[in-house]
Amino acid sequence: QVQLVESGGGLVQAGGSLRLSCAASGRTGSSRAMGWFRQAPGKEREFVAAINWSGGNTVYQDSVKGRFTISRDNAKNTLYLQMNSLKPEDTAVYYCAARRAGAVVLSTNRDEYSYFGQGTQVTVSS
């Protein structure tokens, strides 16, 4: 089992920045790809960004390209999401996600992630 705990969410004005962190614990010794998803009120959870085990490959949802950056520090078992130039439409609960042990290739498919955190609220005011 892997436990994921997000932090760093909050209220920010449009154009501002936030940095989300996700601390992993439990069976963190196995290599696995990770990602970020978000869910706005009344909408389904959607893919935001993903990163492979080594950190060398990343992929983003089109609407956040050039504004968000996903990164990881495997020595600290921590995943990050740097969010710049935030827009009101970025308002959502953001979830950290991890694939099963050994799944080192990144994925944009929510169903290919085995673990999700409890989420952190990001609110962007206009």
N, C-alpha and C. Protein backbone atom coordinates (compact mmCIF):
# COMPACT_ATOMS: atom_id res chain seq x y z
N GLN A 1 0.83 -1.19 0.00
CA GLN A 1 0.00 0.00 0.00
C GLN A 1 0.87 1.25 0.00
N VAL A 2 0.36 2.27 -0.65
CA VAL A 2 1.03 3.57 -0.67
C VAL A 2 0.04 4.62 -0.20
N GLN A 3 0.48 5.46 0.71
CA GLN A 3 -0.34 6.57 1.18
C GLN A 3 0.21 7.86 0.58
N LEU A 4 -0.71 8.70 0.10
CA LEU A 4 -0.34 9.96 -0.55
C LEU A 4 -1.02 11.12 0.18
N VAL A 5 -0.26 12.13 0.54
CA VAL A 5 -0.80 13.29 1.24
C VAL A 5 -0.40 14.56 0.51
N GLU A 6 -1.40 15.29 -0.01
CA GLU A 6 -1.14 16.53 -0.72
C GLU A 6 -1.13 17.72 0.24
N SER A 7 -0.42 18.76 -0.15
CA SER A 7 -0.39 20.01 0.59
C SER A 7 -0.07 21.14 -0.37
N GLY A 8 -0.28 22.37 0.09
CA GLY A 8 0.08 23.53 -0.72
C GLY A 8 -1.06 24.24 -1.40
N GLY A 9 -2.27 23.70 -1.29
CA GLY A 9 -3.40 24.37 -1.90
C GLY A 9 -3.77 25.64 -1.15
N GLY A 10 -4.71 26.40 -1.72
CA GLY A 10 -5.15 27.62 -1.06
C GLY A 10 -5.90 28.52 -2.01
N LEU A 11 -6.08 29.77 -1.55
CA LEU A 11 -6.78 30.80 -2.33
C LEU A 11 -5.75 31.75 -2.92
N VAL A 12 -5.85 31.99 -4.23
CA VAL A 12 -4.90 32.87 -4.90
C VAL A 12 -5.64 33.67 -5.96
N GLN A 13 -5.16 34.86 -6.24
CA GLN A 13 -5.76 35.67 -7.29
C GLN A 13 -5.31 35.19 -8.67
N ALA A 14 -6.12 35.47 -9.66
CA ALA A 14 -5.76 35.13 -11.03
C ALA A 14 -4.40 35.73 -11.38
N GLY A 15 -3.57 34.93 -12.04
CA GLY A 15 -2.22 35.35 -12.37
C GLY A 15 -1.19 34.94 -11.34
N GLY A 16 -1.65 34.48 -10.20
CA GLY A 16 -0.74 34.08 -9.13
C GLY A 16 -0.21 32.67 -9.31
N SER A 17 0.55 32.22 -8.30
CA SER A 17 1.21 30.92 -8.35
C SER A 17 0.98 30.14 -7.06
N LEU A 18 1.00 28.83 -7.19
CA LEU A 18 0.98 27.92 -6.05
C LEU A 18 1.87 26.73 -6.38
N ARG A 19 2.43 26.12 -5.33
CA ARG A 19 3.21 24.91 -5.51
C ARG A 19 2.60 23.82 -4.65
N LEU A 20 2.08 22.78 -5.30
CA LEU A 20 1.53 21.64 -4.58
C LEU A 20 2.62 20.60 -4.35
N SER A 21 2.53 19.95 -3.20
CA SER A 21 3.43 18.85 -2.87
C SER A 21 2.62 17.62 -2.54
N CYS A 22 3.20 16.46 -2.77
CA CYS A 22 2.56 15.19 -2.45
C CYS A 22 3.60 14.29 -1.82
N ALA A 23 3.40 13.99 -0.55
CA ALA A 23 4.33 13.13 0.18
C ALA A 23 3.81 11.70 0.16
N ALA A 24 4.66 10.78 -0.27
CA ALA A 24 4.29 9.38 -0.34
C ALA A 24 4.91 8.62 0.82
N SER A 25 4.15 7.68 1.36
CA SER A 25 4.65 6.83 2.44
C SER A 25 4.12 5.41 2.23
N GLY A 26 4.62 4.50 3.02
CA GLY A 26 4.23 3.12 2.86
C GLY A 26 5.23 2.41 1.96
N ARG A 27 4.77 1.66 1.00
CA ARG A 27 5.64 0.90 0.10
C ARG A 27 6.17 1.79 -1.02
N THR A 28 7.07 2.70 -0.63
CA THR A 28 7.60 3.66 -1.60
C THR A 28 8.88 3.17 -2.25
N GLY A 29 9.34 1.97 -1.89
CA GLY A 29 10.58 1.47 -2.45
C GLY A 29 10.48 1.04 -3.89
N SER A 30 9.27 0.83 -4.38
CA SER A 30 9.09 0.37 -5.75
C SER A 30 9.02 1.54 -6.72
N SER A 31 9.54 1.33 -7.91
CA SER A 31 9.51 2.36 -8.96
C SER A 31 8.10 2.45 -9.53
N ARG A 32 7.65 3.67 -9.74
CA ARG A 32 6.31 3.86 -10.31
C ARG A 32 6.17 5.26 -10.86
N ALA A 33 5.36 5.40 -11.88
CA ALA A 33 5.03 6.72 -12.41
C ALA A 33 3.97 7.36 -11.52
N MET A 34 3.89 8.71 -11.58
CA MET A 34 2.93 9.43 -10.76
C MET A 34 2.29 10.54 -11.57
N GLY A 35 1.22 11.11 -11.02
CA GLY A 35 0.53 12.17 -11.74
C GLY A 35 -0.32 13.02 -10.84
N TRP A 36 -0.90 14.05 -11.46
CA TRP A 36 -1.85 14.94 -10.78
C TRP A 36 -3.16 14.94 -11.58
N PHE A 37 -4.25 14.91 -10.83
CA PHE A 37 -5.59 15.03 -11.40
C PHE A 37 -6.32 16.13 -10.65
N ARG A 38 -7.44 16.61 -11.21
CA ARG A 38 -8.23 17.62 -10.51
C ARG A 38 -9.70 17.40 -10.78
N GLN A 39 -10.50 17.88 -9.85
CA GLN A 39 -11.94 17.73 -9.98
C GLN A 39 -12.63 19.01 -9.52
N ALA A 40 -13.33 19.65 -10.45
CA ALA A 40 -14.11 20.85 -10.16
C ALA A 40 -15.52 20.44 -9.77
N PRO A 41 -16.24 21.28 -9.05
CA PRO A 41 -17.62 20.95 -8.66
C PRO A 41 -18.49 20.60 -9.85
N GLY A 42 -19.18 19.48 -9.74
CA GLY A 42 -20.09 19.06 -10.81
C GLY A 42 -19.42 18.46 -12.02
N LYS A 43 -18.11 18.27 -11.96
CA LYS A 43 -17.38 17.71 -13.11
C LYS A 43 -16.65 16.45 -12.71
N GLU A 44 -16.26 15.67 -13.72
CA GLU A 44 -15.50 14.45 -13.45
C GLU A 44 -14.03 14.80 -13.16
N ARG A 45 -13.37 13.89 -12.48
CA ARG A 45 -11.95 14.06 -12.22
C ARG A 45 -11.19 13.98 -13.54
N GLU A 46 -10.31 14.93 -13.79
CA GLU A 46 -9.59 14.98 -15.06
C GLU A 46 -8.09 14.99 -14.87
N PHE A 47 -7.41 14.52 -15.88
CA PHE A 47 -5.95 14.47 -15.89
C PHE A 47 -5.37 15.88 -15.98
N VAL A 48 -4.29 16.11 -15.24
CA VAL A 48 -3.58 17.39 -15.30
C VAL A 48 -2.16 17.21 -15.82
N ALA A 49 -1.39 16.34 -15.17
CA ALA A 49 0.00 16.14 -15.56
C ALA A 49 0.49 14.79 -15.04
N ALA A 50 1.50 14.25 -15.71
CA ALA A 50 2.08 12.98 -15.28
C ALA A 50 3.58 12.98 -15.52
N ILE A 51 4.28 12.12 -14.77
CA ILE A 51 5.73 12.04 -14.86
C ILE A 51 6.15 10.59 -14.70
N ASN A 52 7.16 10.17 -15.45
CA ASN A 52 7.61 8.79 -15.32
C ASN A 52 8.51 8.64 -14.10
N TRP A 53 8.97 7.43 -13.85
CA TRP A 53 9.73 7.16 -12.64
C TRP A 53 11.00 8.00 -12.55
N SER A 54 11.74 8.08 -13.62
CA SER A 54 13.02 8.80 -13.58
C SER A 54 12.84 10.31 -13.59
N GLY A 55 11.68 10.77 -14.00
CA GLY A 55 11.46 12.22 -14.10
C GLY A 55 11.85 12.79 -15.46
N GLY A 56 12.30 11.94 -16.35
CA GLY A 56 12.77 12.41 -17.64
C GLY A 56 11.67 12.68 -18.65
N ASN A 57 10.50 12.10 -18.42
CA ASN A 57 9.37 12.30 -19.33
C ASN A 57 8.17 12.86 -18.58
N THR A 58 7.54 13.87 -19.16
CA THR A 58 6.35 14.46 -18.57
C THR A 58 5.31 14.70 -19.67
N VAL A 59 4.07 14.81 -19.25
CA VAL A 59 2.98 15.12 -20.19
C VAL A 59 1.95 15.97 -19.45
N TYR A 60 1.30 16.88 -20.19
CA TYR A 60 0.36 17.81 -19.57
C TYR A 60 -0.95 17.87 -20.36
N GLN A 61 -2.00 18.19 -19.63
CA GLN A 61 -3.26 18.54 -20.29
C GLN A 61 -3.01 19.83 -21.08
N ASP A 62 -3.64 19.95 -22.24
CA ASP A 62 -3.38 21.11 -23.10
C ASP A 62 -3.62 22.44 -22.39
N SER A 63 -4.63 22.51 -21.54
CA SER A 63 -5.00 23.78 -20.93
C SER A 63 -3.97 24.28 -19.91
N VAL A 64 -3.06 23.41 -19.46
CA VAL A 64 -2.07 23.84 -18.46
C VAL A 64 -0.65 23.87 -19.01
N LYS A 65 -0.48 23.48 -20.26
CA LYS A 65 0.86 23.49 -20.85
C LYS A 65 1.45 24.90 -20.82
N GLY A 66 2.71 24.97 -20.43
CA GLY A 66 3.38 26.26 -20.36
C GLY A 66 3.13 27.02 -19.07
N ARG A 67 2.18 26.57 -18.27
CA ARG A 67 1.87 27.22 -16.98
C ARG A 67 2.19 26.33 -15.79
N PHE A 68 1.99 25.02 -15.93
CA PHE A 68 2.22 24.07 -14.84
C PHE A 68 3.47 23.25 -15.13
N THR A 69 4.18 22.87 -14.06
CA THR A 69 5.35 22.01 -14.19
C THR A 69 5.29 20.92 -13.13
N ILE A 70 5.33 19.68 -13.57
CA ILE A 70 5.36 18.53 -12.65
C ILE A 70 6.81 18.10 -12.46
N SER A 71 7.15 17.73 -11.23
CA SER A 71 8.50 17.25 -10.95
C SER A 71 8.44 16.29 -9.77
N ARG A 72 9.52 15.60 -9.52
CA ARG A 72 9.55 14.65 -8.41
C ARG A 72 10.95 14.58 -7.83
N ASP A 73 11.01 14.23 -6.55
CA ASP A 73 12.27 13.99 -5.85
C ASP A 73 12.15 12.61 -5.24
N ASN A 74 12.70 11.62 -5.91
CA ASN A 74 12.53 10.23 -5.45
C ASN A 74 13.24 9.99 -4.12
N ALA A 75 14.28 10.70 -3.84
CA ALA A 75 14.99 10.54 -2.56
C ALA A 75 14.11 10.98 -1.40
N LYS A 76 13.21 11.93 -1.66
CA LYS A 76 12.31 12.44 -0.63
C LYS A 76 10.91 11.85 -0.75
N ASN A 77 10.69 10.99 -1.73
CA ASN A 77 9.37 10.40 -1.96
C ASN A 77 8.30 11.49 -2.09
N THR A 78 8.62 12.51 -2.86
CA THR A 78 7.73 13.66 -2.98
C THR A 78 7.52 14.04 -4.44
N LEU A 79 6.27 14.33 -4.76
CA LEU A 79 5.86 14.80 -6.08
C LEU A 79 5.44 16.26 -5.96
N TYR A 80 5.71 17.04 -7.00
CA TYR A 80 5.38 18.47 -6.96
C TYR A 80 4.57 18.87 -8.20
N LEU A 81 3.83 19.96 -8.04
CA LEU A 81 3.17 20.59 -9.17
C LEU A 81 3.29 22.11 -8.98
N GLN A 82 4.14 22.73 -9.79
CA GLN A 82 4.28 24.17 -9.76
C GLN A 82 3.25 24.76 -10.72
N MET A 83 2.40 25.62 -10.19
CA MET A 83 1.32 26.20 -11.00
C MET A 83 1.50 27.71 -11.07
N ASN A 84 1.73 28.21 -12.27
CA ASN A 84 1.91 29.63 -12.50
C ASN A 84 0.79 30.18 -13.38
N SER A 85 0.64 31.49 -13.40
CA SER A 85 -0.38 32.14 -14.23
C SER A 85 -1.74 31.49 -14.05
N LEU A 86 -2.12 31.30 -12.82
CA LEU A 86 -3.37 30.59 -12.51
C LEU A 86 -4.58 31.37 -13.01
N LYS A 87 -5.59 30.61 -13.43
CA LYS A 87 -6.84 31.16 -13.95
C LYS A 87 -8.00 30.67 -13.10
N PRO A 88 -9.11 31.39 -13.09
CA PRO A 88 -10.28 30.92 -12.32
C PRO A 88 -10.71 29.51 -12.71
N GLU A 89 -10.55 29.15 -13.97
CA GLU A 89 -10.95 27.81 -14.41
C GLU A 89 -10.03 26.71 -13.89
N ASP A 90 -8.94 27.07 -13.23
CA ASP A 90 -8.08 26.08 -12.58
C ASP A 90 -8.61 25.69 -11.20
N THR A 91 -9.64 26.37 -10.73
CA THR A 91 -10.22 26.08 -9.42
C THR A 91 -10.75 24.65 -9.38
N ALA A 92 -10.26 23.88 -8.40
CA ALA A 92 -10.63 22.46 -8.28
C ALA A 92 -9.95 21.88 -7.06
N VAL A 93 -10.34 20.65 -6.74
CA VAL A 93 -9.58 19.86 -5.78
C VAL A 93 -8.53 19.09 -6.58
N TYR A 94 -7.29 19.21 -6.17
CA TYR A 94 -6.18 18.58 -6.88
C TYR A 94 -5.75 17.32 -6.13
N TYR A 95 -5.62 16.22 -6.89
CA TYR A 95 -5.28 14.93 -6.32
C TYR A 95 -3.95 14.43 -6.88
N CYS A 96 -3.13 13.93 -6.00
CA CYS A 96 -1.90 13.24 -6.36
C CYS A 96 -2.26 11.77 -6.63
N ALA A 97 -1.58 11.15 -7.58
CA ALA A 97 -1.89 9.77 -7.91
C ALA A 97 -0.61 8.99 -8.19
N ALA A 98 -0.63 7.70 -7.88
CA ALA A 98 0.52 6.84 -8.12
C ALA A 98 0.07 5.56 -8.82
N ARG A 99 0.88 5.10 -9.77
CA ARG A 99 0.58 3.84 -10.44
C ARG A 99 1.03 2.68 -9.57
N ARG A 100 0.73 1.48 -9.97
CA ARG A 100 1.12 0.28 -9.23
C ARG A 100 2.64 0.13 -9.28
N ALA A 101 3.17 -0.64 -8.36
CA ALA A 101 4.60 -0.89 -8.31
C ALA A 101 5.09 -1.49 -9.63
N GLY A 102 6.14 -0.95 -10.16
CA GLY A 102 6.72 -1.44 -11.40
C GLY A 102 6.22 -0.75 -12.65
N ALA A 103 5.13 0.00 -12.54
CA ALA A 103 4.58 0.73 -13.70
C ALA A 103 5.31 2.07 -13.80
N VAL A 104 6.44 2.06 -14.49
CA VAL A 104 7.32 3.23 -14.51
C VAL A 104 6.99 4.20 -15.62
N VAL A 105 6.18 3.78 -16.58
CA VAL A 105 5.82 4.63 -17.72
C VAL A 105 4.64 5.52 -17.34
N LEU A 106 4.69 6.79 -17.72
CA LEU A 106 3.61 7.69 -17.36
C LEU A 106 2.33 7.35 -18.11
N SER A 107 1.21 7.80 -17.54
CA SER A 107 -0.09 7.56 -18.15
C SER A 107 -1.00 8.76 -17.90
N THR A 108 -1.88 9.02 -18.86
CA THR A 108 -2.89 10.07 -18.69
C THR A 108 -4.24 9.49 -18.29
N ASN A 109 -4.31 8.17 -18.21
CA ASN A 109 -5.56 7.45 -17.94
C ASN A 109 -5.76 7.27 -16.44
N ARG A 110 -6.81 7.86 -15.92
CA ARG A 110 -7.11 7.78 -14.50
C ARG A 110 -7.21 6.33 -14.02
N ASP A 111 -7.74 5.44 -14.84
CA ASP A 111 -7.94 4.05 -14.43
C ASP A 111 -6.63 3.28 -14.29
N GLU A 112 -5.54 3.85 -14.76
CA GLU A 112 -4.24 3.17 -14.65
C GLU A 112 -3.48 3.58 -13.39
N TYR A 113 -4.12 4.36 -12.54
CA TYR A 113 -3.52 4.76 -11.28
C TYR A 113 -4.17 3.97 -10.14
N SER A 114 -3.34 3.43 -9.27
CA SER A 114 -3.83 2.57 -8.20
C SER A 114 -4.08 3.32 -6.90
N TYR A 115 -3.42 4.46 -6.70
CA TYR A 115 -3.53 5.17 -5.44
C TYR A 115 -3.79 6.66 -5.69
N PHE A 116 -4.67 7.22 -4.87
CA PHE A 116 -4.97 8.65 -4.90
C PHE A 116 -4.89 9.21 -3.48
N GLY A 117 -4.47 10.47 -3.37
CA GLY A 117 -4.49 11.15 -2.09
C GLY A 117 -5.88 11.68 -1.79
N GLN A 118 -5.99 12.41 -0.68
CA GLN A 118 -7.30 12.92 -0.27
C GLN A 118 -7.65 14.23 -0.95
N GLY A 119 -6.66 14.86 -1.59
CA GLY A 119 -6.90 16.08 -2.34
C GLY A 119 -6.61 17.34 -1.56
N THR A 120 -6.29 18.40 -2.30
CA THR A 120 -6.08 19.72 -1.71
C THR A 120 -6.81 20.75 -2.58
N GLN A 121 -7.52 21.67 -1.93
CA GLN A 121 -8.35 22.63 -2.64
C GLN A 121 -7.50 23.78 -3.19
N VAL A 122 -7.70 24.09 -4.45
CA VAL A 122 -7.10 25.26 -5.08
C VAL A 122 -8.23 26.14 -5.59
N THR A 123 -8.25 27.38 -5.12
CA THR A 123 -9.28 28.33 -5.53
C THR A 123 -8.61 29.56 -6.11
N VAL A 124 -8.99 29.90 -7.34
CA VAL A 124 -8.41 31.05 -8.03
C VAL A 124 -9.51 32.09 -8.22
N SER A 125 -9.33 33.25 -7.63
CA SER A 125 -10.33 34.31 -7.73
C SER A 125 -10.01 35.24 -8.91
N SER A 126 -11.05 35.77 -9.50
CA SER A 126 -10.87 36.65 -10.66
C SER A 126 -10.69 38.10 -10.25
